[in-house]
């Protein structure tokens, strides 16, 4: 557990306060807040973001529903820790997406 310097007090905050602070800091850096009401909306946003941030690597190709389903399947393997590793390992995911784009050309 972290300790405060002698004479200093450590502030505590609720999870809601932490979340609000993070959202405020991201918005100040130009991030846009998105409200996703369903899993379908979440997946649609993921597809849009993947295509937008990887358009050069995808050679401007929009992923078909079948290709995106394969990406989701790739992401949906293992336990929560395996999934987090896959999401952090951008190069592996981007290589997979580029291979999908090449195979659809």
N, C-alpha and C. Protein backbone atom coordinates (compact mmCIF):
# COMPACT_ATOMS: atom_id res chain seq x y z
N UNK A 1 0.84 -1.18 0.00
CA UNK A 1 0.00 0.00 0.00
C UNK A 1 0.89 1.24 0.00
N UNK A 2 0.59 2.24 -0.86
CA UNK A 2 1.42 3.44 -0.89
C UNK A 2 1.30 4.20 0.41
N UNK A 3 2.37 4.85 0.79
CA UNK A 3 2.34 5.67 2.00
C UNK A 3 2.61 7.11 1.61
N UNK A 4 2.02 8.02 2.35
CA UNK A 4 2.22 9.44 2.09
C UNK A 4 3.49 9.90 2.78
N UNK A 5 4.10 10.95 2.25
CA UNK A 5 5.27 11.54 2.89
C UNK A 5 4.86 12.04 4.27
N UNK A 6 5.83 12.09 5.17
CA UNK A 6 5.54 12.50 6.54
C UNK A 6 4.84 13.86 6.54
N UNK A 7 3.71 13.93 7.20
CA UNK A 7 2.96 15.16 7.30
C UNK A 7 1.98 15.38 6.15
N UNK A 8 2.10 14.61 5.08
CA UNK A 8 1.19 14.75 3.94
C UNK A 8 0.00 13.81 4.12
N UNK A 9 -1.10 14.18 3.56
CA UNK A 9 -2.27 13.30 3.60
C UNK A 9 -2.55 12.79 2.19
N UNK A 10 -3.04 11.57 2.14
CA UNK A 10 -3.38 11.00 0.83
C UNK A 10 -4.88 11.19 0.61
N UNK A 11 -5.22 11.72 -0.55
CA UNK A 11 -6.62 11.89 -0.89
C UNK A 11 -7.17 10.57 -1.41
N UNK A 12 -8.40 10.31 -1.10
CA UNK A 12 -9.06 9.13 -1.64
C UNK A 12 -10.23 9.61 -2.48
N UNK A 13 -10.60 8.79 -3.44
CA UNK A 13 -11.73 9.13 -4.28
C UNK A 13 -12.49 7.86 -4.61
N UNK A 14 -13.75 8.04 -4.90
CA UNK A 14 -14.57 6.90 -5.27
C UNK A 14 -14.24 6.48 -6.70
N UNK A 15 -14.68 5.30 -7.06
CA UNK A 15 -14.47 4.84 -8.44
C UNK A 15 -15.15 5.79 -9.43
N UNK A 16 -16.33 6.28 -9.08
CA UNK A 16 -17.05 7.21 -9.96
C UNK A 16 -16.27 8.51 -10.13
N UNK A 17 -15.64 9.00 -9.06
CA UNK A 17 -14.83 10.21 -9.16
C UNK A 17 -13.60 9.97 -10.03
N UNK A 18 -12.98 8.82 -9.86
CA UNK A 18 -11.81 8.46 -10.67
C UNK A 18 -12.19 8.40 -12.15
N UNK A 19 -13.33 7.75 -12.43
CA UNK A 19 -13.79 7.64 -13.82
C UNK A 19 -14.10 9.01 -14.40
N UNK A 20 -14.78 9.86 -13.64
CA UNK A 20 -15.12 11.20 -14.13
C UNK A 20 -13.85 12.01 -14.40
N UNK A 21 -12.87 11.88 -13.52
CA UNK A 21 -11.60 12.59 -13.71
C UNK A 21 -10.88 12.11 -14.96
N UNK A 22 -10.86 10.81 -15.18
CA UNK A 22 -10.21 10.26 -16.37
C UNK A 22 -10.92 10.74 -17.64
N UNK A 23 -12.23 10.70 -17.65
CA UNK A 23 -13.00 11.15 -18.82
C UNK A 23 -12.73 12.63 -19.09
N UNK A 24 -12.67 13.43 -18.04
CA UNK A 24 -12.40 14.86 -18.19
C UNK A 24 -11.00 15.09 -18.78
N UNK A 25 -10.02 14.35 -18.31
CA UNK A 25 -8.65 14.50 -18.81
C UNK A 25 -8.54 14.05 -20.27
N UNK A 26 -9.23 12.96 -20.62
CA UNK A 26 -9.20 12.49 -22.01
C UNK A 26 -9.89 13.50 -22.94
N UNK A 27 -11.01 14.05 -22.49
CA UNK A 27 -11.73 15.04 -23.29
C UNK A 27 -10.86 16.28 -23.51
N UNK A 28 -10.10 16.67 -22.49
CA UNK A 28 -9.21 17.82 -22.62
C UNK A 28 -8.10 17.57 -23.64
N UNK A 29 -7.82 16.30 -23.89
CA UNK A 29 -6.78 15.94 -24.87
C UNK A 29 -7.37 15.63 -26.24
N UNK A 30 -8.67 15.91 -26.43
CA UNK A 30 -9.27 15.76 -27.74
C UNK A 30 -10.04 14.47 -27.96
N UNK A 31 -10.12 13.62 -26.96
CA UNK A 31 -10.89 12.38 -27.11
C UNK A 31 -12.37 12.71 -27.06
N UNK A 32 -13.14 11.99 -27.83
CA UNK A 32 -14.58 12.20 -27.89
C UNK A 32 -15.29 11.14 -27.06
N UNK A 33 -16.21 11.57 -26.23
CA UNK A 33 -16.98 10.63 -25.41
C UNK A 33 -18.03 9.95 -26.27
N UNK A 34 -18.12 8.64 -26.16
CA UNK A 34 -19.08 7.86 -26.93
C UNK A 34 -19.91 7.04 -25.95
N UNK A 35 -21.22 7.07 -26.13
CA UNK A 35 -22.10 6.25 -25.30
C UNK A 35 -22.54 5.06 -26.13
N UNK A 36 -22.27 3.88 -25.64
CA UNK A 36 -22.61 2.65 -26.36
C UNK A 36 -23.65 1.89 -25.53
N UNK A 37 -24.85 1.81 -26.08
CA UNK A 37 -25.98 1.27 -25.32
C UNK A 37 -26.12 -0.24 -25.42
N UNK A 38 -25.37 -0.87 -26.32
CA UNK A 38 -25.54 -2.31 -26.49
C UNK A 38 -24.24 -2.93 -26.98
N UNK A 39 -24.18 -4.24 -26.94
CA UNK A 39 -23.00 -4.94 -27.47
C UNK A 39 -22.86 -4.70 -28.96
N UNK A 40 -23.98 -4.65 -29.68
CA UNK A 40 -23.93 -4.39 -31.12
C UNK A 40 -23.33 -3.02 -31.41
N UNK A 41 -23.69 -2.02 -30.60
CA UNK A 41 -23.13 -0.68 -30.77
C UNK A 41 -21.63 -0.68 -30.44
N UNK A 42 -21.25 -1.43 -29.43
CA UNK A 42 -19.83 -1.56 -29.06
C UNK A 42 -19.03 -2.16 -30.21
N UNK A 43 -19.54 -3.24 -30.80
CA UNK A 43 -18.84 -3.90 -31.90
C UNK A 43 -18.79 -3.00 -33.14
N UNK A 44 -19.87 -2.29 -33.42
CA UNK A 44 -19.88 -1.37 -34.56
C UNK A 44 -18.84 -0.27 -34.37
N UNK A 45 -18.73 0.24 -33.14
CA UNK A 45 -17.74 1.27 -32.85
C UNK A 45 -16.32 0.69 -32.96
N UNK A 46 -16.11 -0.52 -32.49
CA UNK A 46 -14.80 -1.16 -32.60
C UNK A 46 -14.40 -1.29 -34.06
N UNK A 47 -15.32 -1.74 -34.90
CA UNK A 47 -15.03 -1.89 -36.34
C UNK A 47 -14.68 -0.54 -36.96
N UNK A 48 -15.45 0.47 -36.65
CA UNK A 48 -15.19 1.82 -37.17
C UNK A 48 -13.83 2.32 -36.73
N UNK A 49 -13.51 2.13 -35.46
CA UNK A 49 -12.22 2.60 -34.94
C UNK A 49 -11.05 1.83 -35.54
N UNK A 50 -11.18 0.53 -35.67
CA UNK A 50 -10.12 -0.28 -36.28
C UNK A 50 -9.86 0.17 -37.72
N UNK A 51 -10.93 0.38 -38.46
CA UNK A 51 -10.79 0.81 -39.86
C UNK A 51 -10.19 2.21 -39.95
N UNK A 52 -10.65 3.11 -39.09
CA UNK A 52 -10.17 4.50 -39.13
C UNK A 52 -8.70 4.60 -38.76
N UNK A 53 -8.29 3.87 -37.74
CA UNK A 53 -6.92 3.99 -37.25
C UNK A 53 -5.94 3.12 -38.01
N UNK A 54 -6.43 2.29 -38.90
CA UNK A 54 -5.56 1.40 -39.65
C UNK A 54 -5.82 1.46 -41.15
N UNK A 55 -6.36 2.58 -41.63
CA UNK A 55 -6.74 2.66 -43.04
C UNK A 55 -5.54 2.48 -43.97
N UNK A 56 -4.38 3.01 -43.60
CA UNK A 56 -3.20 2.84 -44.45
C UNK A 56 -2.78 1.38 -44.52
N UNK A 57 -2.80 0.73 -43.38
CA UNK A 57 -2.41 -0.67 -43.33
C UNK A 57 -3.43 -1.57 -44.05
N UNK A 58 -4.68 -1.14 -44.04
CA UNK A 58 -5.74 -1.90 -44.71
C UNK A 58 -5.89 -1.48 -46.17
N UNK A 59 -5.04 -0.59 -46.63
CA UNK A 59 -5.09 -0.09 -48.01
C UNK A 59 -6.46 0.49 -48.35
N UNK A 60 -7.09 1.14 -47.38
CA UNK A 60 -8.38 1.76 -47.59
C UNK A 60 -9.55 0.80 -47.70
N UNK A 61 -9.30 -0.49 -47.50
CA UNK A 61 -10.35 -1.50 -47.60
C UNK A 61 -11.18 -1.50 -46.32
N UNK A 62 -12.49 -1.51 -46.48
CA UNK A 62 -13.40 -1.63 -45.35
C UNK A 62 -13.58 -3.12 -45.07
N UNK A 63 -13.47 -3.51 -43.80
CA UNK A 63 -13.63 -4.92 -43.46
C UNK A 63 -15.08 -5.35 -43.70
N UNK A 64 -15.23 -6.48 -44.37
CA UNK A 64 -16.58 -7.03 -44.55
C UNK A 64 -17.05 -7.57 -43.20
N UNK A 65 -18.32 -7.88 -43.10
CA UNK A 65 -18.85 -8.44 -41.86
C UNK A 65 -18.14 -9.74 -41.50
N UNK A 66 -17.85 -10.57 -42.51
CA UNK A 66 -17.17 -11.84 -42.27
C UNK A 66 -15.75 -11.62 -41.77
N UNK A 67 -15.05 -10.65 -42.37
CA UNK A 67 -13.68 -10.35 -41.94
C UNK A 67 -13.67 -9.80 -40.52
N UNK A 68 -14.61 -8.90 -40.23
CA UNK A 68 -14.67 -8.35 -38.89
C UNK A 68 -15.02 -9.44 -37.87
N UNK A 69 -15.87 -10.35 -38.25
CA UNK A 69 -16.20 -11.48 -37.36
C UNK A 69 -14.95 -12.29 -37.04
N UNK A 70 -14.06 -12.44 -38.03
CA UNK A 70 -12.80 -13.15 -37.77
C UNK A 70 -11.90 -12.37 -36.82
N UNK A 71 -11.88 -11.04 -36.95
CA UNK A 71 -11.10 -10.22 -36.02
C UNK A 71 -11.66 -10.37 -34.61
N UNK A 72 -12.97 -10.29 -34.48
CA UNK A 72 -13.60 -10.44 -33.17
C UNK A 72 -13.31 -11.82 -32.61
N UNK A 73 -13.38 -12.84 -33.45
CA UNK A 73 -13.07 -14.20 -33.01
C UNK A 73 -11.62 -14.28 -32.51
N UNK A 74 -10.72 -13.61 -33.22
CA UNK A 74 -9.32 -13.58 -32.81
C UNK A 74 -9.17 -12.92 -31.44
N UNK A 75 -9.93 -11.86 -31.21
CA UNK A 75 -9.86 -11.15 -29.93
C UNK A 75 -10.55 -11.91 -28.80
N UNK A 76 -11.48 -12.77 -29.14
CA UNK A 76 -12.33 -13.43 -28.15
C UNK A 76 -11.81 -14.80 -27.74
N UNK A 77 -10.50 -14.92 -27.58
CA UNK A 77 -9.90 -16.20 -27.20
C UNK A 77 -9.21 -16.07 -25.86
N UNK A 78 -9.28 -17.14 -25.09
CA UNK A 78 -8.58 -17.17 -23.82
C UNK A 78 -9.35 -16.47 -22.72
N UNK A 79 -8.65 -16.33 -21.61
CA UNK A 79 -9.26 -15.66 -20.46
C UNK A 79 -9.07 -14.15 -20.57
N UNK A 80 -9.51 -13.43 -19.58
CA UNK A 80 -9.46 -11.97 -19.61
C UNK A 80 -8.03 -11.45 -19.77
N UNK A 81 -7.07 -12.16 -19.19
CA UNK A 81 -5.67 -11.73 -19.27
C UNK A 81 -5.13 -11.96 -20.69
N UNK A 82 -5.50 -13.09 -21.30
CA UNK A 82 -5.08 -13.36 -22.68
C UNK A 82 -5.65 -12.31 -23.63
N UNK A 83 -6.91 -11.94 -23.40
CA UNK A 83 -7.56 -10.95 -24.25
C UNK A 83 -6.89 -9.59 -24.12
N UNK A 84 -6.56 -9.23 -22.89
CA UNK A 84 -5.88 -7.95 -22.66
C UNK A 84 -4.52 -7.94 -23.37
N UNK A 85 -3.81 -9.06 -23.32
CA UNK A 85 -2.52 -9.16 -24.00
C UNK A 85 -2.71 -8.99 -25.50
N UNK A 86 -3.72 -9.64 -26.06
CA UNK A 86 -3.99 -9.52 -27.49
C UNK A 86 -4.28 -8.08 -27.88
N UNK A 87 -5.10 -7.40 -27.08
CA UNK A 87 -5.42 -6.00 -27.38
C UNK A 87 -4.19 -5.11 -27.26
N UNK A 88 -3.32 -5.40 -26.30
CA UNK A 88 -2.11 -4.59 -26.15
C UNK A 88 -1.09 -4.89 -27.24
N UNK A 89 -1.10 -6.11 -27.76
CA UNK A 89 -0.14 -6.48 -28.80
C UNK A 89 -0.69 -6.03 -30.15
N UNK A 90 -0.64 -4.73 -30.37
CA UNK A 90 -1.22 -4.13 -31.57
C UNK A 90 -0.63 -4.72 -32.84
N UNK A 91 0.66 -5.01 -32.84
CA UNK A 91 1.29 -5.47 -34.08
C UNK A 91 0.67 -6.79 -34.54
N UNK A 92 0.38 -7.69 -33.61
CA UNK A 92 -0.23 -8.96 -33.97
C UNK A 92 -1.62 -8.75 -34.57
N UNK A 93 -2.42 -7.91 -33.93
CA UNK A 93 -3.77 -7.63 -34.43
C UNK A 93 -3.70 -6.93 -35.79
N UNK A 94 -2.79 -5.96 -35.93
CA UNK A 94 -2.69 -5.23 -37.19
C UNK A 94 -2.22 -6.13 -38.32
N UNK A 95 -1.30 -7.05 -38.03
CA UNK A 95 -0.88 -8.00 -39.05
C UNK A 95 -2.06 -8.86 -39.50
N UNK A 96 -2.87 -9.29 -38.54
CA UNK A 96 -4.04 -10.10 -38.85
C UNK A 96 -5.03 -9.31 -39.72
N UNK A 97 -5.24 -8.04 -39.37
CA UNK A 97 -6.16 -7.21 -40.15
C UNK A 97 -5.61 -6.97 -41.55
N UNK A 98 -4.31 -6.75 -41.69
CA UNK A 98 -3.71 -6.53 -43.00
C UNK A 98 -3.84 -7.79 -43.85
N UNK A 99 -3.66 -8.95 -43.23
CA UNK A 99 -3.81 -10.21 -43.97
C UNK A 99 -5.25 -10.38 -44.45
N UNK A 100 -6.21 -9.97 -43.61
CA UNK A 100 -7.61 -10.06 -44.02
C UNK A 100 -7.89 -9.12 -45.21
N UNK A 101 -7.33 -7.91 -45.14
CA UNK A 101 -7.54 -6.95 -46.22
C UNK A 101 -6.91 -7.44 -47.52
N UNK A 102 -5.73 -8.03 -47.42
CA UNK A 102 -5.04 -8.56 -48.61
C UNK A 102 -5.81 -9.72 -49.22
N UNK A 103 -6.36 -10.57 -48.37
CA UNK A 103 -7.08 -11.74 -48.87
C UNK A 103 -8.41 -11.35 -49.51
N UNK A 104 -8.94 -10.17 -49.15
CA UNK A 104 -10.22 -9.76 -49.74
C UNK A 104 -10.04 -8.96 -51.01
N UNK A 105 -8.81 -8.59 -51.33
CA UNK A 105 -8.54 -7.79 -52.54
C UNK A 105 -8.59 -8.64 -53.79
